[in-house]
Amino acid sequence: MPILPVLADVGTLVREKIGMDRIRAAHAATTVRLPKDHGHLQLLEGSYVRIRQCAPKALEAVRSSVAPMRSC
């Protein structure tokens, strides 16, 4: 099956018919896309950062409020 002439040399098509200025303008107008996970990993990372900040204080509060165990 022969290749269509328009597909044989895509670079020439882009340079001569479309133009690099038009390609650059189209690329500049694109919006920033979210990662494939839609930002969930970044949210999760933020939660763990908060837990790492609070956990030592919470554990210390629990340790100091628990009465020592008595042996039987």
N, C-alpha and C. Protein backbone atom coordinates (compact mmCIF):
# COMPACT_ATOMS: atom_id res chain seq x y z
N MET A 1 0.85 -1.18 0.00
CA MET A 1 0.00 0.00 0.00
C MET A 1 0.90 1.24 0.00
N PRO A 2 0.78 2.10 -0.99
CA PRO A 2 1.65 3.28 -1.08
C PRO A 2 1.31 4.32 -0.01
N ILE A 3 2.33 5.06 0.38
CA ILE A 3 2.15 6.13 1.37
C ILE A 3 1.61 7.36 0.64
N LEU A 4 0.66 8.02 1.25
CA LEU A 4 0.14 9.25 0.67
C LEU A 4 1.25 10.28 0.57
N PRO A 5 1.29 11.05 -0.49
CA PRO A 5 2.36 12.05 -0.65
C PRO A 5 2.42 13.04 0.51
N VAL A 6 1.29 13.39 1.04
CA VAL A 6 1.26 14.36 2.15
C VAL A 6 1.92 13.78 3.40
N LEU A 7 1.91 12.47 3.55
CA LEU A 7 2.51 11.83 4.71
C LEU A 7 3.97 11.44 4.49
N ALA A 8 4.42 11.48 3.25
CA ALA A 8 5.78 11.06 2.93
C ALA A 8 6.81 11.99 3.55
N ASP A 9 6.52 13.27 3.58
CA ASP A 9 7.47 14.24 4.14
C ASP A 9 6.70 15.23 5.01
N VAL A 10 6.44 14.84 6.22
CA VAL A 10 5.66 15.67 7.15
C VAL A 10 6.40 16.95 7.49
N GLY A 11 7.72 16.88 7.62
CA GLY A 11 8.50 18.07 7.96
C GLY A 11 8.32 19.19 6.96
N THR A 12 8.33 18.85 5.68
CA THR A 12 8.13 19.86 4.64
C THR A 12 6.73 20.45 4.73
N LEU A 13 5.75 19.61 4.98
CA LEU A 13 4.38 20.08 5.13
C LEU A 13 4.28 21.09 6.27
N VAL A 14 4.89 20.78 7.39
CA VAL A 14 4.84 21.67 8.54
C VAL A 14 5.54 22.99 8.24
N ARG A 15 6.73 22.91 7.69
CA ARG A 15 7.51 24.13 7.43
C ARG A 15 6.89 25.02 6.35
N GLU A 16 6.44 24.42 5.25
CA GLU A 16 5.99 25.22 4.11
C GLU A 16 4.52 25.58 4.14
N LYS A 17 3.68 24.67 4.55
CA LYS A 17 2.23 24.93 4.48
C LYS A 17 1.68 25.51 5.78
N ILE A 18 2.09 24.97 6.90
CA ILE A 18 1.56 25.43 8.19
C ILE A 18 2.41 26.56 8.74
N GLY A 19 3.69 26.37 8.79
CA GLY A 19 4.60 27.40 9.27
C GLY A 19 4.90 27.26 10.75
N MET A 20 6.17 27.48 11.09
CA MET A 20 6.60 27.32 12.48
C MET A 20 5.99 28.37 13.40
N ASP A 21 5.75 29.57 12.88
CA ASP A 21 5.13 30.60 13.72
C ASP A 21 3.74 30.17 14.17
N ARG A 22 3.01 29.57 13.26
CA ARG A 22 1.66 29.09 13.59
C ARG A 22 1.73 27.92 14.57
N ILE A 23 2.70 27.03 14.40
CA ILE A 23 2.89 25.90 15.32
C ILE A 23 3.23 26.42 16.72
N ARG A 24 4.16 27.39 16.79
CA ARG A 24 4.56 27.96 18.09
C ARG A 24 3.37 28.65 18.76
N ALA A 25 2.58 29.38 18.00
CA ALA A 25 1.42 30.07 18.57
C ALA A 25 0.40 29.07 19.11
N ALA A 26 0.19 28.00 18.40
CA ALA A 26 -0.75 26.97 18.87
C ALA A 26 -0.23 26.31 20.13
N HIS A 27 1.06 26.06 20.18
CA HIS A 27 1.66 25.43 21.36
C HIS A 27 1.61 26.37 22.57
N ALA A 28 1.84 27.65 22.35
CA ALA A 28 1.83 28.63 23.44
C ALA A 28 0.43 28.79 24.03
N ALA A 29 -0.60 28.56 23.23
CA ALA A 29 -1.97 28.74 23.68
C ALA A 29 -2.51 27.54 24.45
N THR A 30 -1.76 26.47 24.54
CA THR A 30 -2.26 25.29 25.24
C THR A 30 -2.29 25.52 26.74
N THR A 31 -3.20 24.87 27.40
CA THR A 31 -3.31 24.99 28.86
C THR A 31 -2.44 23.94 29.53
N VAL A 32 -2.06 24.23 30.74
CA VAL A 32 -1.26 23.28 31.52
C VAL A 32 -2.18 22.14 31.95
N ARG A 33 -1.75 20.93 31.67
CA ARG A 33 -2.56 19.76 32.02
C ARG A 33 -2.16 19.22 33.38
N LEU A 34 -3.14 18.69 34.06
CA LEU A 34 -2.87 18.02 35.32
C LEU A 34 -2.15 16.71 35.05
N PRO A 35 -1.40 16.20 36.03
CA PRO A 35 -0.79 14.89 35.85
C PRO A 35 -1.87 13.82 35.65
N LYS A 36 -1.45 12.65 35.20
CA LYS A 36 -2.42 11.59 34.92
C LYS A 36 -3.22 11.18 36.15
N ASP A 37 -2.66 11.44 37.35
CA ASP A 37 -3.40 11.09 38.57
C ASP A 37 -4.30 12.24 39.01
N HIS A 38 -4.42 13.28 38.20
CA HIS A 38 -5.26 14.45 38.47
C HIS A 38 -4.85 15.18 39.74
N GLY A 39 -3.59 15.10 40.12
CA GLY A 39 -3.08 15.83 41.27
C GLY A 39 -3.25 15.12 42.60
N HIS A 40 -3.77 13.89 42.59
CA HIS A 40 -4.01 13.18 43.85
C HIS A 40 -2.73 12.87 44.61
N LEU A 41 -1.66 12.52 43.90
CA LEU A 41 -0.41 12.22 44.59
C LEU A 41 0.15 13.45 45.29
N GLN A 42 0.00 14.60 44.69
CA GLN A 42 0.48 15.83 45.33
C GLN A 42 -0.35 16.13 46.58
N LEU A 43 -1.66 15.91 46.52
CA LEU A 43 -2.50 16.10 47.71
C LEU A 43 -2.11 15.12 48.81
N LEU A 44 -1.86 13.88 48.44
CA LEU A 44 -1.45 12.87 49.41
C LEU A 44 -0.12 13.24 50.05
N GLU A 45 0.81 13.72 49.25
CA GLU A 45 2.11 14.13 49.78
C GLU A 45 1.93 15.27 50.79
N GLY A 46 1.04 16.20 50.48
CA GLY A 46 0.77 17.30 51.41
C GLY A 46 0.20 16.80 52.72
N SER A 47 -0.64 15.77 52.67
CA SER A 47 -1.20 15.20 53.90
C SER A 47 -0.11 14.57 54.75
N TYR A 48 0.79 13.85 54.12
CA TYR A 48 1.87 13.21 54.88
C TYR A 48 2.82 14.23 55.49
N VAL A 49 3.05 15.33 54.80
CA VAL A 49 3.89 16.38 55.37
C VAL A 49 3.25 16.90 56.64
N ARG A 50 1.95 17.12 56.61
CA ARG A 50 1.22 17.61 57.79
C ARG A 50 1.27 16.58 58.92
N ILE A 51 1.10 15.31 58.59
CA ILE A 51 1.16 14.26 59.62
C ILE A 51 2.55 14.21 60.24
N ARG A 52 3.59 14.32 59.42
CA ARG A 52 4.96 14.31 59.96
C ARG A 52 5.21 15.48 60.90
N GLN A 53 4.56 16.59 60.66
CA GLN A 53 4.73 17.74 61.54
C GLN A 53 3.99 17.54 62.87
N CYS A 54 2.81 16.95 62.81
CA CYS A 54 1.96 16.83 64.00
C CYS A 54 2.20 15.57 64.81
N ALA A 55 2.65 14.50 64.19
CA ALA A 55 2.76 13.21 64.86
C ALA A 55 3.64 13.23 66.10
N PRO A 56 4.82 13.83 66.09
CA PRO A 56 5.64 13.80 67.31
C PRO A 56 4.96 14.45 68.51
N LYS A 57 4.28 15.57 68.29
CA LYS A 57 3.58 16.24 69.40
C LYS A 57 2.41 15.40 69.89
N ALA A 58 1.68 14.79 68.96
CA ALA A 58 0.54 13.96 69.35
C ALA A 58 1.00 12.73 70.12
N LEU A 59 2.06 12.09 69.67
CA LEU A 59 2.58 10.91 70.37
C LEU A 59 3.09 11.27 71.75
N GLU A 60 3.74 12.40 71.88
CA GLU A 60 4.24 12.84 73.18
C GLU A 60 3.08 13.12 74.13
N ALA A 61 2.01 13.71 73.63
CA ALA A 61 0.83 13.98 74.46
C ALA A 61 0.20 12.68 74.93
N VAL A 62 0.13 11.69 74.06
CA VAL A 62 -0.45 10.40 74.44
C VAL A 62 0.44 9.70 75.46
N ARG A 63 1.75 9.73 75.25
CA ARG A 63 2.67 9.08 76.18
C ARG A 63 2.59 9.70 77.57
N SER A 64 2.48 11.01 77.63
CA SER A 64 2.47 11.66 78.94
C SER A 64 1.14 11.51 79.65
N SER A 65 0.06 11.21 78.93
CA SER A 65 -1.25 11.09 79.58
C SER A 65 -1.58 9.65 79.98
N VAL A 66 -0.81 8.68 79.55
CA VAL A 66 -1.07 7.28 79.88
C VAL A 66 -0.38 6.95 81.20
N ALA A 67 -1.14 6.33 82.10
CA ALA A 67 -0.56 5.93 83.39
C ALA A 67 0.37 4.74 83.18
N PRO A 68 1.46 4.67 83.92
CA PRO A 68 2.37 3.53 83.77
C PRO A 68 1.67 2.23 84.18
N MET A 69 2.04 1.14 83.52
CA MET A 69 1.43 -0.16 83.82
C MET A 69 2.02 -0.71 85.11
N ARG A 70 1.15 -1.35 85.88
CA ARG A 70 1.61 -2.00 87.11
C ARG A 70 1.75 -3.49 86.84
N SER A 71 2.78 -4.08 87.38
CA SER A 71 2.94 -5.52 87.21
C SER A 71 2.05 -6.24 88.21
N CYS A 72 1.55 -7.39 87.86
CA CYS A 72 0.62 -8.14 88.71
C CYS A 72 1.31 -8.90 89.79
